[in-house]
N, C-alpha and C. Protein backbone atom coordinates (compact mmCIF):
# COMPACT_ATOMS: atom_id res chain seq x y z
N MET A 1 83.07 101.90 69.91
CA MET A 1 82.59 100.60 70.31
C MET A 1 81.34 100.77 71.14
N ALA A 2 80.50 99.78 71.05
CA ALA A 2 79.20 99.87 71.69
C ALA A 2 79.11 99.14 73.02
N ASN A 3 80.23 98.71 73.57
CA ASN A 3 80.25 98.00 74.85
C ASN A 3 79.43 96.71 74.78
N LYS A 4 79.66 95.93 73.75
CA LYS A 4 78.97 94.66 73.58
C LYS A 4 79.97 93.52 73.71
N ALA A 5 79.52 92.40 74.27
CA ALA A 5 80.40 91.26 74.53
C ALA A 5 81.10 90.77 73.28
N GLU A 6 80.44 90.82 72.13
CA GLU A 6 81.06 90.31 70.90
C GLU A 6 82.23 91.18 70.41
N GLU A 7 82.44 92.33 71.03
CA GLU A 7 83.55 93.20 70.64
C GLU A 7 84.82 92.96 71.46
N ILE A 8 84.84 91.94 72.32
CA ILE A 8 85.99 91.69 73.19
C ILE A 8 87.28 91.52 72.40
N GLY A 9 87.21 90.85 71.26
CA GLY A 9 88.41 90.68 70.44
C GLY A 9 88.98 92.01 69.99
N ASP A 10 88.10 92.92 69.58
CA ASP A 10 88.55 94.25 69.16
C ASP A 10 89.17 95.02 70.32
N VAL A 11 88.60 94.85 71.53
CA VAL A 11 89.13 95.54 72.71
C VAL A 11 90.53 95.02 73.05
N VAL A 12 90.70 93.70 73.02
CA VAL A 12 92.01 93.12 73.31
C VAL A 12 93.04 93.61 72.30
N ILE A 13 92.69 93.62 71.04
CA ILE A 13 93.61 94.10 70.00
C ILE A 13 93.94 95.57 70.21
N LEU A 14 92.95 96.37 70.57
CA LEU A 14 93.19 97.79 70.84
C LEU A 14 94.19 97.98 71.98
N PHE A 15 93.98 97.24 73.09
CA PHE A 15 94.92 97.34 74.22
C PHE A 15 96.31 96.86 73.82
N GLN A 16 96.40 95.79 73.06
CA GLN A 16 97.70 95.31 72.61
C GLN A 16 98.38 96.34 71.72
N ASP A 17 97.61 96.96 70.84
CA ASP A 17 98.18 97.98 69.96
C ASP A 17 98.69 99.17 70.76
N MET A 18 97.91 99.59 71.78
CA MET A 18 98.34 100.72 72.60
C MET A 18 99.62 100.38 73.35
N LEU A 19 99.67 99.18 73.93
CA LEU A 19 100.86 98.75 74.65
C LEU A 19 102.06 98.66 73.71
N GLU A 20 101.84 98.13 72.52
CA GLU A 20 102.92 98.00 71.55
C GLU A 20 103.49 99.36 71.16
N VAL A 21 102.61 100.33 70.93
CA VAL A 21 103.06 101.67 70.54
C VAL A 21 103.90 102.30 71.65
N VAL A 22 103.39 102.25 72.88
CA VAL A 22 104.12 102.84 74.01
C VAL A 22 105.44 102.12 74.23
N THR A 23 105.42 100.80 74.23
CA THR A 23 106.64 100.02 74.44
C THR A 23 107.65 100.29 73.33
N LYS A 24 107.18 100.32 72.08
CA LYS A 24 108.09 100.57 70.95
C LYS A 24 108.72 101.95 71.07
N ASP A 25 107.93 102.96 71.45
CA ASP A 25 108.48 104.31 71.62
C ASP A 25 109.58 104.32 72.67
N ILE A 26 109.34 103.65 73.79
CA ILE A 26 110.33 103.60 74.86
C ILE A 26 111.58 102.85 74.38
N MET A 27 111.37 101.70 73.76
CA MET A 27 112.50 100.89 73.31
C MET A 27 113.30 101.60 72.22
N ASP A 28 112.60 102.25 71.28
CA ASP A 28 113.31 102.95 70.21
C ASP A 28 114.15 104.09 70.76
N GLU A 29 113.64 104.75 71.79
CA GLU A 29 114.37 105.86 72.39
C GLU A 29 115.60 105.38 73.15
N GLU A 30 115.42 104.32 73.92
CA GLU A 30 116.49 103.83 74.79
C GLU A 30 117.42 102.83 74.10
N PHE A 31 116.85 101.96 73.26
CA PHE A 31 117.62 100.89 72.63
C PHE A 31 117.23 100.78 71.16
N PRO A 32 117.74 101.65 70.30
CA PRO A 32 117.36 101.61 68.88
C PRO A 32 117.59 100.23 68.27
N GLY A 33 116.61 99.76 67.50
CA GLY A 33 116.74 98.49 66.82
C GLY A 33 116.30 97.29 67.63
N TYR A 34 115.91 97.47 68.88
CA TYR A 34 115.49 96.36 69.74
C TYR A 34 114.06 95.96 69.36
N GLY A 35 113.82 94.68 69.14
CA GLY A 35 112.49 94.23 68.73
C GLY A 35 111.58 93.93 69.91
N ILE A 36 110.28 94.00 69.67
CA ILE A 36 109.30 93.64 70.71
C ILE A 36 108.30 92.67 70.14
N GLY A 37 107.67 91.90 70.99
CA GLY A 37 106.65 90.95 70.56
C GLY A 37 105.27 91.40 71.00
N PHE A 38 104.31 90.53 70.81
CA PHE A 38 102.94 90.83 71.20
C PHE A 38 102.67 90.34 72.61
N LEU A 39 101.71 90.96 73.24
CA LEU A 39 101.29 90.55 74.56
C LEU A 39 100.06 89.66 74.39
N PHE A 40 100.12 88.45 74.92
CA PHE A 40 98.97 87.55 74.81
C PHE A 40 98.27 87.50 76.16
N LEU A 41 97.02 87.85 76.14
CA LEU A 41 96.25 87.96 77.37
C LEU A 41 95.37 86.74 77.58
N SER A 42 95.15 86.43 78.84
CA SER A 42 94.19 85.37 79.14
C SER A 42 92.79 85.90 78.85
N PRO A 43 91.83 85.02 78.63
CA PRO A 43 90.48 85.48 78.29
C PRO A 43 89.82 86.36 79.35
N ARG A 44 90.26 86.27 80.59
CA ARG A 44 89.65 87.07 81.66
C ARG A 44 90.48 88.28 82.06
N ALA A 45 91.51 88.60 81.33
CA ALA A 45 92.40 89.69 81.71
C ALA A 45 91.74 91.06 81.57
N ILE A 46 90.80 91.19 80.64
CA ILE A 46 90.12 92.46 80.42
C ILE A 46 88.62 92.23 80.64
N LYS A 47 88.03 93.01 81.53
CA LYS A 47 86.59 92.91 81.75
C LYS A 47 85.89 93.69 80.64
N PHE A 48 85.26 92.98 79.74
CA PHE A 48 84.53 93.63 78.67
C PHE A 48 83.43 92.70 78.21
N PRO A 49 82.23 93.14 78.08
CA PRO A 49 81.83 94.54 78.24
C PRO A 49 81.93 94.97 79.71
N ARG A 50 82.23 96.22 79.89
CA ARG A 50 82.38 96.74 81.25
C ARG A 50 81.01 96.82 81.91
N PRO A 51 80.99 96.71 83.24
CA PRO A 51 79.71 96.81 83.94
C PRO A 51 79.09 98.19 83.74
N GLU A 52 77.79 98.23 83.54
CA GLU A 52 77.09 99.50 83.39
C GLU A 52 76.69 100.01 84.77
N SER A 53 77.26 101.11 85.20
CA SER A 53 76.89 101.71 86.48
C SER A 53 77.37 103.15 86.50
N ASP A 54 76.75 103.95 87.36
CA ASP A 54 77.16 105.35 87.49
C ASP A 54 78.59 105.45 88.02
N ALA A 55 78.95 104.53 88.92
CA ALA A 55 80.31 104.56 89.48
C ALA A 55 81.35 104.32 88.39
N TRP A 56 81.09 103.34 87.49
CA TRP A 56 82.03 103.08 86.39
C TRP A 56 82.11 104.28 85.45
N THR A 57 80.96 104.85 85.12
CA THR A 57 80.94 106.00 84.21
C THR A 57 81.74 107.15 84.80
N GLU A 58 81.57 107.42 86.10
CA GLU A 58 82.32 108.49 86.75
C GLU A 58 83.81 108.17 86.77
N LYS A 59 84.14 106.93 87.13
CA LYS A 59 85.55 106.53 87.21
C LYS A 59 86.24 106.64 85.85
N LEU A 60 85.55 106.22 84.79
CA LEU A 60 86.14 106.25 83.46
C LEU A 60 86.27 107.66 82.90
N SER A 61 85.54 108.60 83.46
CA SER A 61 85.64 109.97 82.97
C SER A 61 86.81 110.73 83.61
N GLU A 62 87.37 110.18 84.68
CA GLU A 62 88.51 110.81 85.36
C GLU A 62 89.81 110.32 84.74
N PRO A 63 90.85 111.18 84.72
CA PRO A 63 92.15 110.69 84.24
C PRO A 63 92.69 109.62 85.21
N LEU A 64 93.31 108.59 84.65
CA LEU A 64 93.83 107.52 85.50
C LEU A 64 95.11 107.92 86.20
N LEU A 65 95.95 108.68 85.51
CA LEU A 65 97.23 109.13 86.08
C LEU A 65 97.42 110.60 85.77
N ASN A 66 98.08 111.29 86.69
CA ASN A 66 98.47 112.65 86.33
C ASN A 66 99.82 112.59 85.61
N GLU A 67 100.28 113.70 85.10
CA GLU A 67 101.50 113.70 84.29
C GLU A 67 102.72 113.21 85.08
N ALA A 68 102.83 113.63 86.34
CA ALA A 68 103.98 113.21 87.15
C ALA A 68 103.98 111.69 87.36
N GLN A 69 102.80 111.11 87.59
CA GLN A 69 102.71 109.66 87.77
C GLN A 69 103.09 108.94 86.48
N GLY A 70 102.62 109.46 85.34
CA GLY A 70 102.96 108.85 84.05
C GLY A 70 104.45 108.89 83.80
N ARG A 71 105.08 110.03 84.07
CA ARG A 71 106.53 110.14 83.87
C ARG A 71 107.29 109.21 84.81
N SER A 72 106.80 109.08 86.04
CA SER A 72 107.45 108.20 87.01
C SER A 72 107.40 106.75 86.53
N ILE A 73 106.27 106.33 86.00
CA ILE A 73 106.13 104.97 85.49
C ILE A 73 107.06 104.75 84.31
N VAL A 74 107.11 105.70 83.39
CA VAL A 74 107.99 105.58 82.22
C VAL A 74 109.45 105.50 82.67
N ASP A 75 109.83 106.33 83.64
CA ASP A 75 111.20 106.29 84.16
C ASP A 75 111.53 104.94 84.78
N GLU A 76 110.58 104.37 85.51
CA GLU A 76 110.80 103.06 86.13
C GLU A 76 110.93 101.98 85.07
N ILE A 77 110.10 102.04 84.04
CA ILE A 77 110.20 101.07 82.94
C ILE A 77 111.56 101.17 82.27
N LYS A 78 112.03 102.39 82.02
CA LYS A 78 113.36 102.59 81.42
C LYS A 78 114.44 101.99 82.31
N HIS A 79 114.29 102.18 83.62
CA HIS A 79 115.27 101.63 84.56
C HIS A 79 115.30 100.10 84.49
N VAL A 80 114.13 99.49 84.45
CA VAL A 80 114.05 98.03 84.37
C VAL A 80 114.66 97.52 83.07
N ILE A 81 114.38 98.19 81.97
CA ILE A 81 114.92 97.79 80.67
C ILE A 81 116.44 97.92 80.67
N THR A 82 116.93 99.02 81.21
CA THR A 82 118.38 99.23 81.26
C THR A 82 119.04 98.17 82.14
N ALA A 83 118.45 97.88 83.29
CA ALA A 83 119.01 96.86 84.19
C ALA A 83 119.01 95.49 83.51
N SER A 84 117.94 95.19 82.79
CA SER A 84 117.85 93.91 82.09
C SER A 84 118.92 93.82 81.00
N SER A 85 119.09 94.90 80.26
CA SER A 85 120.09 94.93 79.21
C SER A 85 121.50 94.77 79.79
N THR A 86 121.74 95.42 80.92
CA THR A 86 123.04 95.32 81.58
C THR A 86 123.30 93.88 82.03
N LYS A 87 122.27 93.23 82.58
CA LYS A 87 122.42 91.84 83.02
C LYS A 87 122.75 90.93 81.83
N ILE A 88 122.07 91.14 80.71
CA ILE A 88 122.34 90.33 79.51
C ILE A 88 123.79 90.52 79.07
N THR A 89 124.25 91.76 79.06
CA THR A 89 125.63 92.04 78.67
C THR A 89 126.60 91.36 79.63
N GLU A 90 126.32 91.45 80.94
CA GLU A 90 127.20 90.82 81.93
C GLU A 90 127.24 89.31 81.75
N ARG A 91 126.09 88.70 81.49
CA ARG A 91 126.06 87.25 81.30
C ARG A 91 126.83 86.85 80.04
N THR A 92 126.66 87.62 78.99
CA THR A 92 127.37 87.35 77.74
C THR A 92 128.87 87.41 77.96
N GLU A 93 129.33 88.43 78.64
CA GLU A 93 130.76 88.58 78.92
C GLU A 93 131.26 87.47 79.84
N TRP A 94 130.45 87.08 80.80
CA TRP A 94 130.83 86.02 81.73
C TRP A 94 130.97 84.70 80.98
N THR A 95 130.03 84.41 80.05
CA THR A 95 130.13 83.15 79.31
C THR A 95 131.31 83.12 78.36
N LYS A 96 131.73 84.28 77.88
CA LYS A 96 132.91 84.35 77.02
C LYS A 96 134.17 83.98 77.79
N LYS A 97 134.19 84.25 79.11
CA LYS A 97 135.36 83.96 79.93
C LYS A 97 135.48 82.49 80.28
N ILE A 98 134.39 81.78 80.18
CA ILE A 98 134.39 80.36 80.57
C ILE A 98 135.07 79.52 79.53
């Protein structure tokens, strides 16, 4: 991509695709067969084209997370998904008793 304003749609789709792949991998591992939807972003959610500056260029060349941070985030997401699934199961069982 050439960092042009008219490419914003492609950038949003790229981010959605990346999120979908990561989310699907996590969900398939933890909850086989669980479906996911698309993420719809507001028009200002992604700054694109990005500002041209030496600071941005330097920042974008550095890794955003180290491996331990990435694993910690994935573990937390798994925890949230598991807790949510448990709550759904509890509510379902509770409504059956009523």
